[in-house]
Amino acid sequence: MEQRQAKVSHRLVSGVVAAVAASALWAAWLGWDQQRDVQPDGSTTGPYEVWQVVGLVLTLLVPVCWAAYRRHAVGAVLGVTAGLTAAAFYDWSDDSSGLFVVGVGMVMVGALAVTTGVTAAVTGLIAAVGRKGGAVTGL
C-alpha cells in the first residue's frame, strides 16, 4: 500500500513540476513581449516572434522527454498542458474583446496534442530499445 502511494505521489510531483516549468518557460520566452509591431503598410503583427515560440517549444521538450523517460507520461502531458493553459490565460486575460478564451483553448488543445505525441514517441522508443536487448536504466 505504501509503495503504491509513493508511486502516485511521484507521478503527482512530476505533473506539478511540469506545470511549473511550462509556466516559467512561458514567462521567460513570451511573457515579456507585449508590444505589437506596426508594419510600414499599417498592419500589425505580434506580439510574439517566431523565434520566441520555437524557443519555448524546444525548451519544453526537456521536461516532457525527461518525464516520459521516467514513465510519468500522464504527468508530463497534463502538467505541461495545464501550465501553458494557465500562463496563456493569465497573459491574455486583459483582452477586452473576450476572444482570448479562443486562443487559450487553442493553446490547450495544441499543448495536449503535441505533448501526447512526444511522450508516445519517447515511450515507444524506450520500449523498442528494451525489446532489442538494449539496457535502459533510470536517471
C-alpha atoms as a PDB file:
ATOM      1  CA  MET A   1       0.000   0.000   0.000  1.00  0.00           C
ATOM      2  CA  GLU A   2       2.789   2.450   0.881  1.00  0.00           C
ATOM      3  CA  GLN A   3       4.626   1.627  -2.326  1.00  0.00           C
ATOM      4  CA  ARG A   4       1.507   2.473  -4.345  1.00  0.00           C
ATOM      5  CA  GLN A   5       1.102   5.797  -2.521  1.00  0.00           C
ATOM      6  CA  ALA A   6       4.751   6.627  -3.165  1.00  0.00           C
ATOM      7  CA  LYS A   7       4.301   5.866  -6.878  1.00  0.00           C
ATOM      8  CA  VAL A   8       1.204   8.086  -7.053  1.00  0.00           C
ATOM      9  CA  SER A   9       2.964  10.915  -5.232  1.00  0.00           C
ATOM     10  CA  HIS A  10       5.960  10.700  -7.597  1.00  0.00           C
ATOM     11  CA  ARG A  11       3.636  10.972 -10.580  1.00  0.00           C
ATOM     12  CA  LEU A  12       1.789  13.878  -8.993  1.00  0.00           C
ATOM     13  CA  VAL A  13       5.050  15.674  -8.297  1.00  0.00           C
ATOM     14  CA  SER A  14       6.191  15.168 -11.899  1.00  0.00           C
ATOM     15  CA  GLY A  15       2.944  16.740 -13.127  1.00  0.00           C
ATOM     16  CA  VAL A  16       3.305  19.720 -10.802  1.00  0.00           C
ATOM     17  CA  VAL A  17       6.961  20.171 -11.793  1.00  0.00           C
ATOM     18  CA  ALA A  18       5.985  20.043 -15.477  1.00  0.00           C
ATOM     19  CA  ALA A  19       3.229  22.636 -14.915  1.00  0.00           C
ATOM     20  CA  VAL A  20       5.552  24.993 -13.051  1.00  0.00           C
ATOM     21  CA  ALA A  21       8.262  24.526 -15.683  1.00  0.00           C
ATOM     22  CA  ALA A  22       5.800  25.246 -18.505  1.00  0.00           C
ATOM     23  CA  SER A  23       4.522  28.415 -16.820  1.00  0.00           C
ATOM     24  CA  ALA A  24       8.050  29.612 -16.051  1.00  0.00           C
ATOM     25  CA  LEU A  25       9.209  28.935 -19.603  1.00  0.00           C
ATOM     26  CA  TRP A  26       6.181  30.804 -20.969  1.00  0.00           C
ATOM     27  CA  ALA A  27       7.145  33.792 -18.818  1.00  0.00           C
ATOM     28  CA  ALA A  28      10.776  33.560 -19.901  1.00  0.00           C
ATOM     29  CA  TRP A  29      10.094  33.265 -23.624  1.00  0.00           C
ATOM     30  CA  LEU A  30       6.767  35.050 -24.173  1.00  0.00           C
ATOM     31  CA  GLY A  31       5.800  36.928 -21.027  1.00  0.00           C
ATOM     32  CA  TRP A  32       7.987  39.956 -21.568  1.00  0.00           C
ATOM     33  CA  ASP A  33       6.936  40.754 -25.152  1.00  0.00           C
ATOM     34  CA  GLN A  34       3.572  42.549 -25.119  1.00  0.00           C
ATOM     35  CA  GLN A  35       4.037  45.048 -27.983  1.00  0.00           C
ATOM     36  CA  ARG A  36       2.560  44.584 -31.421  1.00  0.00           C
ATOM     37  CA  ASP A  37       4.813  45.566 -34.327  1.00  0.00           C
ATOM     38  CA  VAL A  38       3.402  48.074 -36.827  1.00  0.00           C
ATOM     39  CA  GLN A  39       4.478  47.401 -40.405  1.00  0.00           C
ATOM     40  CA  PRO A  40       5.082  50.202 -42.965  1.00  0.00           C
ATOM     41  CA  ASP A  41       1.726  49.432 -44.617  1.00  0.00           C
ATOM     42  CA  GLY A  42      -0.091  49.990 -41.290  1.00  0.00           C
ATOM     43  CA  SER A  43      -0.762  46.331 -40.485  1.00  0.00           C
ATOM     44  CA  THR A  44       0.248  44.914 -37.133  1.00  0.00           C
ATOM     45  CA  THR A  45       1.956  41.660 -36.195  1.00  0.00           C
ATOM     46  CA  GLY A  46       2.928  40.021 -32.971  1.00  0.00           C
ATOM     47  CA  PRO A  47       3.308  40.377 -30.133  1.00  0.00           C
ATOM     48  CA  TYR A  48       5.483  37.259 -30.377  1.00  0.00           C
ATOM     49  CA  GLU A  49       8.180  36.498 -32.900  1.00  0.00           C
ATOM     50  CA  VAL A  50       8.617  33.036 -34.392  1.00  0.00           C
ATOM     51  CA  TRP A  51      11.947  32.520 -32.608  1.00  0.00           C
ATOM     52  CA  GLN A  52      10.271  33.048 -29.227  1.00  0.00           C
ATOM     53  CA  VAL A  53       7.659  30.344 -29.824  1.00  0.00           C
ATOM     54  CA  VAL A  54      10.262  27.948 -31.254  1.00  0.00           C
ATOM     55  CA  GLY A  55      12.460  28.577 -28.206  1.00  0.00           C
ATOM     56  CA  LEU A  56       9.530  27.823 -25.900  1.00  0.00           C
ATOM     57  CA  VAL A  57       8.721  24.574 -27.706  1.00  0.00           C
ATOM     58  CA  LEU A  58      12.340  23.395 -27.776  1.00  0.00           C
ATOM     59  CA  THR A  59      12.933  24.111 -24.097  1.00  0.00           C
ATOM     60  CA  LEU A  60       9.657  22.387 -23.172  1.00  0.00           C
ATOM     61  CA  LEU A  61      10.940  19.230 -24.852  1.00  0.00           C
ATOM     62  CA  VAL A  62      13.401  18.767 -21.989  1.00  0.00           C
ATOM     63  CA  PRO A  63      10.889  18.298 -19.130  1.00  0.00           C
ATOM     64  CA  VAL A  64       8.442  16.405 -21.367  1.00  0.00           C
ATOM     65  CA  CYS A  65      11.057  13.916 -22.578  1.00  0.00           C
ATOM     66  CA  TRP A  66      12.517  13.559 -19.084  1.00  0.00           C
ATOM     67  CA  ALA A  67       9.116  12.766 -17.583  1.00  0.00           C
ATOM     68  CA  ALA A  68       8.285  10.350 -20.415  1.00  0.00           C
ATOM     69  CA  TYR A  69      11.627   8.625 -19.953  1.00  0.00           C
ATOM     70  CA  ARG A  70      10.855   8.255 -16.247  1.00  0.00           C
ATOM     71  CA  ARG A  71       7.486   6.732 -17.237  1.00  0.00           C
ATOM     72  CA  HIS A  72       5.498   9.682 -15.932  1.00  0.00           C
ATOM     73  CA  ALA A  73       3.896  10.430 -19.280  1.00  0.00           C
ATOM     74  CA  VAL A  74       0.499  11.395 -17.868  1.00  0.00           C
ATOM     75  CA  GLY A  75       2.097  13.898 -15.513  1.00  0.00           C
ATOM     76  CA  ALA A  76       4.119  15.376 -18.354  1.00  0.00           C
ATOM     77  CA  VAL A  77       1.144  15.710 -20.679  1.00  0.00           C
ATOM     78  CA  LEU A  78      -1.282  17.091 -18.121  1.00  0.00           C
ATOM     79  CA  GLY A  79       1.317  19.225 -16.339  1.00  0.00           C
ATOM     80  CA  VAL A  80       2.639  20.959 -19.442  1.00  0.00           C
ATOM     81  CA  THR A  81      -0.861  21.424 -20.816  1.00  0.00           C
ATOM     82  CA  ALA A  82      -2.103  22.902 -17.535  1.00  0.00           C
ATOM     83  CA  GLY A  83       0.957  25.125 -17.153  1.00  0.00           C
ATOM     84  CA  LEU A  84       0.765  26.547 -20.671  1.00  0.00           C
ATOM     85  CA  THR A  85      -3.001  26.996 -20.456  1.00  0.00           C
ATOM     86  CA  ALA A  86      -2.766  28.849 -17.137  1.00  0.00           C
ATOM     87  CA  ALA A  87       0.087  31.033 -18.404  1.00  0.00           C
ATOM     88  CA  ALA A  88      -1.778  31.912 -21.608  1.00  0.00           C
ATOM     89  CA  PHE A  89      -4.933  32.708 -19.642  1.00  0.00           C
ATOM     90  CA  TYR A  90      -3.029  34.962 -17.253  1.00  0.00           C
ATOM     91  CA  ASP A  91      -1.068  36.646 -20.042  1.00  0.00           C
ATOM     92  CA  TRP A  92      -4.011  37.277 -22.356  1.00  0.00           C
ATOM     93  CA  SER A  93      -6.869  37.860 -19.900  1.00  0.00           C
ATOM     94  CA  ASP A  94      -6.657  41.655 -20.219  1.00  0.00           C
ATOM     95  CA  ASP A  95      -8.090  41.446 -23.762  1.00  0.00           C
ATOM     96  CA  SER A  96     -11.347  43.400 -23.733  1.00  0.00           C
ATOM     97  CA  SER A  97     -12.877  41.552 -26.704  1.00  0.00           C
ATOM     98  CA  GLY A  98     -13.079  38.243 -24.856  1.00  0.00           C
ATOM     99  CA  LEU A  99     -11.549  36.406 -27.801  1.00  0.00           C
ATOM    100  CA  PHE A 100      -8.550  35.489 -25.682  1.00  0.00           C
ATOM    101  CA  VAL A 101     -10.573  32.487 -24.496  1.00  0.00           C
ATOM    102  CA  VAL A 102     -10.438  31.073 -28.031  1.00  0.00           C
ATOM    103  CA  GLY A 103      -6.664  31.494 -28.084  1.00  0.00           C
ATOM    104  CA  VAL A 104      -6.308  29.887 -24.666  1.00  0.00           C
ATOM    105  CA  GLY A 105      -8.417  26.957 -25.873  1.00  0.00           C
ATOM    106  CA  MET A 106      -6.180  26.593 -28.911  1.00  0.00           C
ATOM    107  CA  VAL A 107      -3.082  26.616 -26.692  1.00  0.00           C
ATOM    108  CA  MET A 108      -4.662  23.937 -24.511  1.00  0.00           C
ATOM    109  CA  VAL A 109      -5.595  21.653 -27.416  1.00  0.00           C
ATOM    110  CA  GLY A 110      -2.240  22.175 -29.148  1.00  0.00           C
ATOM    111  CA  ALA A 111      -0.236  21.527 -25.991  1.00  0.00           C
ATOM    112  CA  LEU A 112      -2.270  18.413 -25.244  1.00  0.00           C
ATOM    113  CA  ALA A 113      -1.779  17.053 -28.772  1.00  0.00           C
ATOM    114  CA  VAL A 114       1.937  17.789 -29.032  1.00  0.00           C
ATOM    115  CA  THR A 115       2.889  16.590 -25.561  1.00  0.00           C
ATOM    116  CA  THR A 116       0.863  13.417 -26.090  1.00  0.00           C
ATOM    117  CA  GLY A 117       2.696  12.786 -29.358  1.00  0.00           C
ATOM    118  CA  VAL A 118       6.126  13.457 -27.877  1.00  0.00           C
ATOM    119  CA  THR A 119       5.550  11.285 -24.828  1.00  0.00           C
ATOM    120  CA  ALA A 120       4.182   8.491 -27.012  1.00  0.00           C
ATOM    121  CA  ALA A 121       7.249   8.693 -29.249  1.00  0.00           C
ATOM    122  CA  VAL A 122       9.693   8.669 -26.315  1.00  0.00           C
ATOM    123  CA  THR A 123       7.835   5.828 -24.573  1.00  0.00           C
ATOM    124  CA  GLY A 124       7.720   3.837 -27.826  1.00  0.00           C
ATOM    125  CA  LEU A 125      11.430   4.403 -28.415  1.00  0.00           C
ATOM    126  CA  ILE A 126      12.237   3.196 -24.910  1.00  0.00           C
ATOM    127  CA  ALA A 127      10.061   0.110 -25.411  1.00  0.00           C
ATOM    128  CA  ALA A 128      11.700  -0.642 -28.769  1.00  0.00           C
ATOM    129  CA  VAL A 129      15.202  -0.325 -27.303  1.00  0.00           C
ATOM    130  CA  GLY A 130      14.184  -2.548 -24.391  1.00  0.00           C
ATOM    131  CA  ARG A 131      12.835  -5.252 -26.742  1.00  0.00           C
ATOM    132  CA  LYS A 132      16.077  -5.296 -28.747  1.00  0.00           C
ATOM    133  CA  GLY A 133      18.078  -6.054 -25.649  1.00  0.00           C
ATOM    134  CA  GLY A 134      19.460  -2.592 -25.033  1.00  0.00           C
ATOM    135  CA  ALA A 135      19.871  -1.503 -21.455  1.00  0.00           C
ATOM    136  CA  VAL A 136      17.584   1.322 -20.439  1.00  0.00           C
ATOM    137  CA  THR A 137      18.133   2.485 -16.910  1.00  0.00           C
ATOM    138  CA  GLY A 138      16.510   5.223 -14.844  1.00  0.00           C
ATOM    139  CA  LEU A 139      18.153   8.581 -14.450  1.00  0.00           C
END
